[in-house]
Amino acid sequence: MGLVDAKNKVPELQKFYQTAYKEHTRLWKICETGASADERRLTQLSQNPRSRLYMTPYVILLWGTLGVTFYGAGRKVLGYNTYFGKN
């Protein structure tokens, strides 16, 4: 019955995001992964602990897809019709 008795964290998270919104902080800045040590210390209390868990795969997929797209476009410009091989 862990889900039934779980604490409702919605009000806490709502206050957190509303505060960030009032400070004109973008969502990707709230869960910033490449921050310096000083910035991390300042924002550590205001970060959702799952933000890094959610953002890391997203950023990897975003840049990976962009890289594969440019690789395929470059091969197409060179006259190749596939990602690998000479055909």
PDB file of N, CA and C in Angstrom:
ATOM      1  N   MET A   1       0.817  -1.194   0.000  1.00  0.00           N
ATOM      2  CA  MET A   1       0.000   0.000   0.000  1.00  0.00           C
ATOM      3  C   MET A   1       0.862   1.259   0.000  1.00  0.00           C
ATOM      4  N   GLY A   2       2.053   1.162  -0.579  1.00  0.00           N
ATOM      5  CA  GLY A   2       2.941   2.313  -0.613  1.00  0.00           C
ATOM      6  C   GLY A   2       2.395   3.472  -1.423  1.00  0.00           C
ATOM      7  N   LEU A   3       1.692   3.166  -2.507  1.00  0.00           N
ATOM      8  CA  LEU A   3       1.149   4.246  -3.329  1.00  0.00           C
ATOM      9  C   LEU A   3      -0.030   4.927  -2.653  1.00  0.00           C
ATOM     10  N   VAL A   4      -0.793   4.171  -1.896  1.00  0.00           N
ATOM     11  CA  VAL A   4      -1.967   4.737  -1.237  1.00  0.00           C
ATOM     12  C   VAL A   4      -1.546   5.696  -0.126  1.00  0.00           C
ATOM     13  N   ASP A   5      -0.512   5.332   0.611  1.00  0.00           N
ATOM     14  CA  ASP A   5      -0.069   6.133   1.748  1.00  0.00           C
ATOM     15  C   ASP A   5       1.054   7.109   1.388  1.00  0.00           C
ATOM     16  N   ALA A   6       1.354   7.247   0.108  1.00  0.00           N
ATOM     17  CA  ALA A   6       2.457   8.118  -0.300  1.00  0.00           C
ATOM     18  C   ALA A   6       2.122   9.583  -0.024  1.00  0.00           C
ATOM     19  N   LYS A   7       3.162  10.330   0.325  1.00  0.00           N
ATOM     20  CA  LYS A   7       2.997  11.754   0.594  1.00  0.00           C
ATOM     21  C   LYS A   7       2.724  12.497  -0.714  1.00  0.00           C
ATOM     22  N   ASN A   8       1.831  13.441  -0.675  1.00  0.00           N
ATOM     23  CA  ASN A   8       1.500  14.243  -1.846  1.00  0.00           C
ATOM     24  C   ASN A   8       2.541  15.354  -1.998  1.00  0.00           C
ATOM     25  N   LYS A   9       3.386  15.248  -3.027  1.00  0.00           N
ATOM     26  CA  LYS A   9       4.453  16.228  -3.248  1.00  0.00           C
ATOM     27  C   LYS A   9       4.041  17.321  -4.228  1.00  0.00           C
ATOM     28  N   VAL A  10       2.825  17.256  -4.739  1.00  0.00           N
ATOM     29  CA  VAL A  10       2.388  18.221  -5.751  1.00  0.00           C
ATOM     30  C   VAL A  10       2.459  19.658  -5.242  1.00  0.00           C
ATOM     31  N   PRO A  11       1.972  19.981  -4.032  1.00  0.00           N
ATOM     32  CA  PRO A  11       2.063  21.381  -3.583  1.00  0.00           C
ATOM     33  C   PRO A  11       3.503  21.897  -3.500  1.00  0.00           C
ATOM     34  N   GLU A  12       4.432  21.048  -3.039  1.00  0.00           N
ATOM     35  CA  GLU A  12       5.836  21.462  -2.952  1.00  0.00           C
ATOM     36  C   GLU A  12       6.409  21.748  -4.339  1.00  0.00           C
ATOM     37  N   LEU A  13       6.171  20.824  -5.275  1.00  0.00           N
ATOM     38  CA  LEU A  13       6.694  21.006  -6.623  1.00  0.00           C
ATOM     39  C   LEU A  13       6.024  22.183  -7.321  1.00  0.00           C
ATOM     40  N   GLN A  14       4.749  22.394  -7.046  1.00  0.00           N
ATOM     41  CA  GLN A  14       4.041  23.518  -7.648  1.00  0.00           C
ATOM     42  C   GLN A  14       4.650  24.842  -7.176  1.00  0.00           C
ATOM     43  N   LYS A  15       4.932  24.946  -5.882  1.00  0.00           N
ATOM     44  CA  LYS A  15       5.569  26.160  -5.357  1.00  0.00           C
ATOM     45  C   LYS A  15       6.950  26.355  -5.979  1.00  0.00           C
ATOM     46  N   PHE A  16       7.677  25.260  -6.109  1.00  0.00           N
ATOM     47  CA  PHE A  16       9.017  25.301  -6.695  1.00  0.00           C
ATOM     48  C   PHE A  16       8.979  25.849  -8.121  1.00  0.00           C
ATOM     49  N   TYR A  17       8.112  25.304  -8.955  1.00  0.00           N
ATOM     50  CA  TYR A  17       8.043  25.745 -10.348  1.00  0.00           C
ATOM     51  C   TYR A  17       7.445  27.141 -10.474  1.00  0.00           C
ATOM     52  N   GLN A  18       6.494  27.478  -9.617  1.00  0.00           N
ATOM     53  CA  GLN A  18       5.934  28.826  -9.657  1.00  0.00           C
ATOM     54  C   GLN A  18       6.980  29.866  -9.262  1.00  0.00           C
ATOM     55  N   THR A  19       7.805  29.538  -8.276  1.00  0.00           N
ATOM     56  CA  THR A  19       8.884  30.441  -7.872  1.00  0.00           C
ATOM     57  C   THR A  19       9.883  30.625  -9.013  1.00  0.00           C
ATOM     58  N   ALA A  20      10.250  29.523  -9.659  1.00  0.00           N
ATOM     59  CA  ALA A  20      11.180  29.611 -10.789  1.00  0.00           C
ATOM     60  C   ALA A  20      10.575  30.425 -11.923  1.00  0.00           C
ATOM     61  N   TYR A  21       9.273  30.272 -12.140  1.00  0.00           N
ATOM     62  CA  TYR A  21       8.606  31.034 -13.202  1.00  0.00           C
ATOM     63  C   TYR A  21       8.604  32.524 -12.881  1.00  0.00           C
ATOM     64  N   LYS A  22       8.350  32.863 -11.615  1.00  0.00           N
ATOM     65  CA  LYS A  22       8.341  34.273 -11.215  1.00  0.00           C
ATOM     66  C   LYS A  22       9.722  34.904 -11.350  1.00  0.00           C
ATOM     67  N   GLU A  23      10.764  34.094 -11.188  1.00  0.00           N
ATOM     68  CA  GLU A  23      12.137  34.578 -11.340  1.00  0.00           C
ATOM     69  C   GLU A  23      12.589  34.541 -12.800  1.00  0.00           C
ATOM     70  N   HIS A  24      11.673  34.223 -13.704  1.00  0.00           N
ATOM     71  CA  HIS A  24      11.937  34.146 -15.144  1.00  0.00           C
ATOM     72  C   HIS A  24      13.021  33.125 -15.464  1.00  0.00           C
ATOM     73  N   THR A  25      13.003  32.011 -14.758  1.00  0.00           N
ATOM     74  CA  THR A  25      13.943  30.928 -15.003  1.00  0.00           C
ATOM     75  C   THR A  25      13.297  29.936 -15.959  1.00  0.00           C
ATOM     76  N   ARG A  26      13.987  29.624 -17.030  1.00  0.00           N
ATOM     77  CA  ARG A  26      13.463  28.658 -17.991  1.00  0.00           C
ATOM     78  C   ARG A  26      13.518  27.256 -17.400  1.00  0.00           C
ATOM     79  N   LEU A  27      12.671  26.375 -17.889  1.00  0.00           N
ATOM     80  CA  LEU A  27      12.625  25.021 -17.350  1.00  0.00           C
ATOM     81  C   LEU A  27      13.949  24.293 -17.516  1.00  0.00           C
ATOM     82  N   TRP A  28      14.640  24.501 -18.650  1.00  0.00           N
ATOM     83  CA  TRP A  28      15.908  23.810 -18.829  1.00  0.00           C
ATOM     84  C   TRP A  28      16.994  24.407 -17.948  1.00  0.00           C
ATOM     85  N   LYS A  29      16.779  25.604 -17.438  1.00  0.00           N
ATOM     86  CA  LYS A  29      17.725  26.179 -16.490  1.00  0.00           C
ATOM     87  C   LYS A  29      17.474  25.655 -15.083  1.00  0.00           C
ATOM     88  N   ILE A  30      16.236  25.302 -14.789  1.00  0.00           N
ATOM     89  CA  ILE A  30      15.913  24.782 -13.467  1.00  0.00           C
ATOM     90  C   ILE A  30      16.656  23.477 -13.236  1.00  0.00           C
ATOM     91  N   CYS A  31      16.729  22.647 -14.256  1.00  0.00           N
ATOM     92  CA  CYS A  31      17.376  21.344 -14.123  1.00  0.00           C
ATOM     93  C   CYS A  31      18.721  21.353 -14.838  1.00  0.00           C
ATOM     94  N   GLU A  32      19.461  22.417 -14.676  1.00  0.00           N
ATOM     95  CA  GLU A  32      20.717  22.630 -15.376  1.00  0.00           C
ATOM     96  C   GLU A  32      21.744  21.574 -14.984  1.00  0.00           C
ATOM     97  N   THR A  33      22.335  20.897 -15.986  1.00  0.00           N
ATOM     98  CA  THR A  33      23.308  19.852 -15.707  1.00  0.00           C
ATOM     99  C   THR A  33      24.743  20.347 -15.813  1.00  0.00           C
ATOM    100  N   GLY A  34      24.997  21.390 -16.591  1.00  0.00           N
ATOM    101  CA  GLY A  34      26.362  21.849 -16.807  1.00  0.00           C
ATOM    102  C   GLY A  34      26.724  23.073 -15.992  1.00  0.00           C
ATOM    103  N   ALA A  35      26.087  23.270 -14.860  1.00  0.00           N
ATOM    104  CA  ALA A  35      26.333  24.462 -14.056  1.00  0.00           C
ATOM    105  C   ALA A  35      27.672  24.359 -13.331  1.00  0.00           C
ATOM    106  N   SER A  36      28.225  25.508 -13.004  1.00  0.00           N
ATOM    107  CA  SER A  36      29.467  25.525 -12.239  1.00  0.00           C
ATOM    108  C   SER A  36      29.177  25.123 -10.791  1.00  0.00           C
ATOM    109  N   ALA A  37      30.223  24.906 -10.030  1.00  0.00           N
ATOM    110  CA  ALA A  37      30.051  24.460  -8.643  1.00  0.00           C
ATOM    111  C   ALA A  37      29.296  25.499  -7.813  1.00  0.00           C
ATOM    112  N   ASP A  38      29.598  26.785  -8.025  1.00  0.00           N
ATOM    113  CA  ASP A  38      28.907  27.842  -7.276  1.00  0.00           C
ATOM    114  C   ASP A  38      27.424  27.889  -7.619  1.00  0.00           C
ATOM    115  N   GLU A  39      27.122  27.794  -8.911  1.00  0.00           N
ATOM    116  CA  GLU A  39      25.717  27.814  -9.323  1.00  0.00           C
ATOM    117  C   GLU A  39      24.978  26.596  -8.786  1.00  0.00           C
ATOM    118  N   ARG A  40      25.665  25.446  -8.786  1.00  0.00           N
ATOM    119  CA  ARG A  40      25.027  24.227  -8.273  1.00  0.00           C
ATOM    120  C   ARG A  40      24.705  24.362  -6.792  1.00  0.00           C
ATOM    121  N   ARG A  41      25.630  24.968  -6.031  1.00  0.00           N
ATOM    122  CA  ARG A  41      25.382  25.152  -4.607  1.00  0.00           C
ATOM    123  C   ARG A  41      24.204  26.081  -4.367  1.00  0.00           C
ATOM    124  N   LEU A  42      24.116  27.142  -5.163  1.00  0.00           N
ATOM    125  CA  LEU A  42      23.032  28.106  -4.985  1.00  0.00           C
ATOM    126  C   LEU A  42      21.676  27.525  -5.348  1.00  0.00           C
ATOM    127  N   THR A  43      21.637  26.686  -6.368  1.00  0.00           N
ATOM    128  CA  THR A  43      20.349  26.172  -6.837  1.00  0.00           C
ATOM    129  C   THR A  43      20.051  24.758  -6.366  1.00  0.00           C
ATOM    130  N   GLN A  44      20.900  24.195  -5.538  1.00  0.00           N
ATOM    131  CA  GLN A  44      20.719  22.810  -5.117  1.00  0.00           C
ATOM    132  C   GLN A  44      19.401  22.610  -4.387  1.00  0.00           C
ATOM    133  N   LEU A  45      19.021  23.557  -3.576  1.00  0.00           N
ATOM    134  CA  LEU A  45      17.784  23.409  -2.817  1.00  0.00           C
ATOM    135  C   LEU A  45      16.546  23.576  -3.685  1.00  0.00           C
ATOM    136  N   SER A  46      16.685  24.230  -4.817  1.00  0.00           N
ATOM    137  CA  SER A  46      15.514  24.495  -5.650  1.00  0.00           C
ATOM    138  C   SER A  46      15.412  23.570  -6.856  1.00  0.00           C
ATOM    139  N   GLN A  47      16.182  22.485  -6.884  1.00  0.00           N
ATOM    140  CA  GLN A  47      16.123  21.576  -8.022  1.00  0.00           C
ATOM    141  C   GLN A  47      15.287  20.354  -7.699  1.00  0.00           C
ATOM    142  N   ASN A  48      14.523  19.946  -8.681  1.00  0.00           N
ATOM    143  CA  ASN A  48      13.804  18.694  -8.565  1.00  0.00           C
ATOM    144  C   ASN A  48      14.829  17.568  -8.680  1.00  0.00           C
ATOM    145  N   PRO A  49      14.853  16.610  -7.764  1.00  0.00           N
ATOM    146  CA  PRO A  49      15.881  15.568  -7.804  1.00  0.00           C
ATOM    147  C   PRO A  49      15.796  14.682  -9.045  1.00  0.00           C
ATOM    148  N   ARG A  50      14.658  14.652  -9.719  1.00  0.00           N
ATOM    149  CA  ARG A  50      14.527  13.810 -10.904  1.00  0.00           C
ATOM    150  C   ARG A  50      14.882  14.540 -12.191  1.00  0.00           C
ATOM    151  N   SER A  51      15.201  15.815 -12.108  1.00  0.00           N
ATOM    152  CA  SER A  51      15.448  16.599 -13.315  1.00  0.00           C
ATOM    153  C   SER A  51      16.589  16.026 -14.144  1.00  0.00           C
ATOM    154  N   ARG A  52      17.683  15.693 -13.518  1.00  0.00           N
ATOM    155  CA  ARG A  52      18.822  15.144 -14.253  1.00  0.00           C
ATOM    156  C   ARG A  52      18.457  13.805 -14.878  1.00  0.00           C
ATOM    157  N   LEU A  53      17.669  13.014 -14.162  1.00  0.00           N
ATOM    158  CA  LEU A  53      17.234  11.719 -14.678  1.00  0.00           C
ATOM    159  C   LEU A  53      16.414  11.884 -15.949  1.00  0.00           C
ATOM    160  N   TYR A  54      15.614  12.917 -16.015  1.00  0.00           N
ATOM    161  CA  TYR A  54      14.774  13.158 -17.187  1.00  0.00           C
ATOM    162  C   TYR A  54      15.535  13.856 -18.308  1.00  0.00           C
ATOM    163  N   MET A  55      16.383  14.800 -17.966  1.00  0.00           N
ATOM    164  CA  MET A  55      17.025  15.624 -18.984  1.00  0.00           C
ATOM    165  C   MET A  55      18.182  14.922 -19.689  1.00  0.00           C
ATOM    166  N   THR A  56      18.917  14.057 -19.006  1.00  0.00           N
ATOM    167  CA  THR A  56      20.082  13.422 -19.612  1.00  0.00           C
ATOM    168  C   THR A  56      19.719  12.594 -20.844  1.00  0.00           C
ATOM    169  N   PRO A  57      18.753  11.668 -20.767  1.00  0.00           N
ATOM    170  CA  PRO A  57      18.398  10.928 -21.988  1.00  0.00           C
ATOM    171  C   PRO A  57      17.839  11.836 -23.083  1.00  0.00           C
ATOM    172  N   TYR A  58      17.101  12.862 -22.680  1.00  0.00           N
ATOM    173  CA  TYR A  58      16.537  13.792 -23.662  1.00  0.00           C
ATOM    174  C   TYR A  58      17.640  14.507 -24.431  1.00  0.00           C
ATOM    175  N   VAL A  59      18.631  15.014 -23.727  1.00  0.00           N
ATOM    176  CA  VAL A  59      19.718  15.752 -24.378  1.00  0.00           C
ATOM    177  C   VAL A  59      20.544  14.818 -25.261  1.00  0.00           C
ATOM    178  N   ILE A  60      20.787  13.591 -24.792  1.00  0.00           N
ATOM    179  CA  ILE A  60      21.535  12.621 -25.599  1.00  0.00           C
ATOM    180  C   ILE A  60      20.782  12.316 -26.890  1.00  0.00           C
ATOM    181  N   LEU A  61      19.482  12.066 -26.785  1.00  0.00           N
ATOM    182  CA  LEU A  61      18.685  11.792 -27.982  1.00  0.00           C
ATOM    183  C   LEU A  61      18.612  13.006 -28.906  1.00  0.00           C
ATOM    184  N   LEU A  62      18.487  14.185 -28.338  1.00  0.00           N
ATOM    185  CA  LEU A  62      18.404  15.400 -29.142  1.00  0.00           C
ATOM    186  C   LEU A  62      19.662  15.587 -29.981  1.00  0.00           C
ATOM    187  N   TRP A  63      20.827  15.568 -29.337  1.00  0.00           N
ATOM    188  CA  TRP A  63      22.078  15.791 -30.060  1.00  0.00           C
ATOM    189  C   TRP A  63      22.444  14.597 -30.937  1.00  0.00           C
ATOM    190  N   GLY A  64      22.119  13.389 -30.485  1.00  0.00           N
ATOM    191  CA  GLY A  64      22.381  12.203 -31.302  1.00  0.00           C
ATOM    192  C   GLY A  64      21.589  12.218 -32.592  1.00  0.00           C
ATOM    193  N   THR A  65      20.313  12.569 -32.497  1.00  0.00           N
ATOM    194  CA  THR A  65      19.469  12.647 -33.685  1.00  0.00           C
ATOM    195  C   THR A  65      19.966  13.734 -34.633  1.00  0.00           C
ATOM    196  N   LEU A  66      20.355  14.862 -34.082  1.00  0.00           N
ATOM    197  CA  LEU A  66      20.886  15.944 -34.911  1.00  0.00           C
ATOM    198  C   LEU A  66      22.169  15.499 -35.626  1.00  0.00           C
ATOM    199  N   GLY A  67      23.050  14.819 -34.896  1.00  0.00           N
ATOM    200  CA  GLY A  67      24.295  14.343 -35.493  1.00  0.00           C
ATOM    201  C   GLY A  67      24.065  13.333 -36.602  1.00  0.00           C
ATOM    202  N   VAL A  68      23.164  12.380 -36.374  1.00  0.00           N
ATOM    203  CA  VAL A  68      22.866  11.364 -37.388  1.00  0.00           C
ATOM    204  C   VAL A  68      22.221  12.007 -38.613  1.00  0.00           C
ATOM    205  N   THR A  69      21.380  13.003 -38.390  1.00  0.00           N
ATOM    206  CA  THR A  69      20.743  13.703 -39.507  1.00  0.00           C
ATOM    207  C   THR A  69      21.779  14.406 -40.375  1.00  0.00           C
ATOM    208  N   PHE A  70      22.715  15.116 -39.750  1.00  0.00           N
ATOM    209  CA  PHE A  70      23.752  15.799 -40.521  1.00  0.00           C
ATOM    210  C   PHE A  70      24.696  14.807 -41.199  1.00  0.00           C
ATOM    211  N   TYR A  71      24.973  13.692 -40.545  1.00  0.00           N
ATOM    212  CA  TYR A  71      25.809  12.658 -41.152  1.00  0.00           C
ATOM    213  C   TYR A  71      25.132  12.117 -42.406  1.00  0.00           C
ATOM    214  N   GLY A  72      23.840  11.795 -42.308  1.00  0.00           N
ATOM    215  CA  GLY A  72      23.097  11.287 -43.462  1.00  0.00           C
ATOM    216  C   GLY A  72      22.997  12.316 -44.577  1.00  0.00           C
ATOM    217  N   ALA A  73      22.789  13.581 -44.209  1.00  0.00           N
ATOM    218  CA  ALA A  73      22.716  14.640 -45.218  1.00  0.00           C
ATOM    219  C   ALA A  73      24.062  14.810 -45.921  1.00  0.00           C
ATOM    220  N   GLY A  74      25.140  14.726 -45.162  1.00  0.00           N
ATOM    221  CA  GLY A  74      26.468  14.831 -45.761  1.00  0.00           C
ATOM    222  C   GLY A  74      26.751  13.689 -46.716  1.00  0.00           C
ATOM    223  N   ARG A  75      26.348  12.491 -46.356  1.00  0.00           N
ATOM    224  CA  ARG A  75      26.527  11.338 -47.248  1.00  0.00           C
ATOM    225  C   ARG A  75      25.681  11.491 -48.504  1.00  0.00           C
ATOM    226  N   LYS A  76      24.489  12.046 -48.348  1.00  0.00           N
ATOM    227  CA  LYS A  76      23.620  12.252 -49.514  1.00  0.00           C
ATOM    228  C   LYS A  76      24.241  13.269 -50.470  1.00  0.00           C
ATOM    229  N   VAL A  77      24.836  14.322 -49.924  1.00  0.00           N
ATOM    230  CA  VAL A  77      25.500  15.327 -50.757  1.00  0.00           C
ATOM    231  C   VAL A  77      26.665  14.704 -51.518  1.00  0.00           C
ATOM    232  N   LEU A  78      27.350  13.765 -50.895  1.00  0.00           N
ATOM    233  CA  LEU A  78      28.481  13.102 -51.543  1.00  0.00           C
ATOM    234  C   LEU A  78      28.044  12.031 -52.536  1.00  0.00           C
ATOM    235  N   GLY A  79      26.740  11.761 -52.606  1.00  0.00           N
ATOM    236  CA  GLY A  79      26.236  10.818 -53.602  1.00  0.00           C
ATOM    237  C   GLY A  79      25.912   9.440 -53.073  1.00  0.00           C
ATOM    238  N   TYR A  80      26.031   9.217 -51.790  1.00  0.00           N
ATOM    239  CA  TYR A  80      25.693   7.917 -51.210  1.00  0.00           C
ATOM    240  C   TYR A  80      24.237   7.935 -50.760  1.00  0.00           C
ATOM    241  N   ASN A  81      23.542   6.808 -50.951  1.00  0.00           N
ATOM    242  CA  ASN A  81      22.128   6.754 -50.589  1.00  0.00           C
ATOM    243  C   ASN A  81      21.871   6.018 -49.281  1.00  0.00           C
ATOM    244  N   THR A  82      22.906   5.512 -48.642  1.00  0.00           N
ATOM    245  CA  THR A  82      22.739   4.799 -47.378  1.00  0.00           C
ATOM    246  C   THR A  82      23.678   5.400 -46.339  1.00  0.00           C
ATOM    247  N   TYR A  83      23.434   5.057 -45.083  1.00  0.00           N
ATOM    248  CA  TYR A  83      24.305   5.541 -44.013  1.00  0.00           C
ATOM    249  C   TYR A  83      25.662   4.847 -44.043  1.00  0.00           C
ATOM    250  N   PHE A  84      25.675   3.565 -44.441  1.00  0.00           N
ATOM    251  CA  PHE A  84      26.909   2.787 -44.458  1.00  0.00           C
ATOM    252  C   PHE A  84      27.056   2.123 -45.819  1.00  0.00           C
ATOM    253  N   GLY A  85      28.244   1.872 -46.242  1.00  0.00           N
ATOM    254  CA  GLY A  85      28.480   1.193 -47.515  1.00  0.00           C
ATOM    255  C   GLY A  85      28.658   2.168 -48.664  1.00  0.00           C
ATOM    256  N   LYS A  86      28.829   1.602 -49.865  1.00  0.00           N
ATOM    257  CA  LYS A  86      29.100   2.440 -51.028  1.00  0.00           C
ATOM    258  C   LYS A  86      27.876   2.639 -51.900  1.00  0.00           C
ATOM    259  N   ASN A  87      26.800   1.950 -51.642  1.00  0.00           N
ATOM    260  CA  ASN A  87      25.600   2.102 -52.485  1.00  0.00           C
ATOM    261  C   ASN A  87      24.776   3.172 -51.922  1.00  0.00           C
TER     262      ASN A  87
END
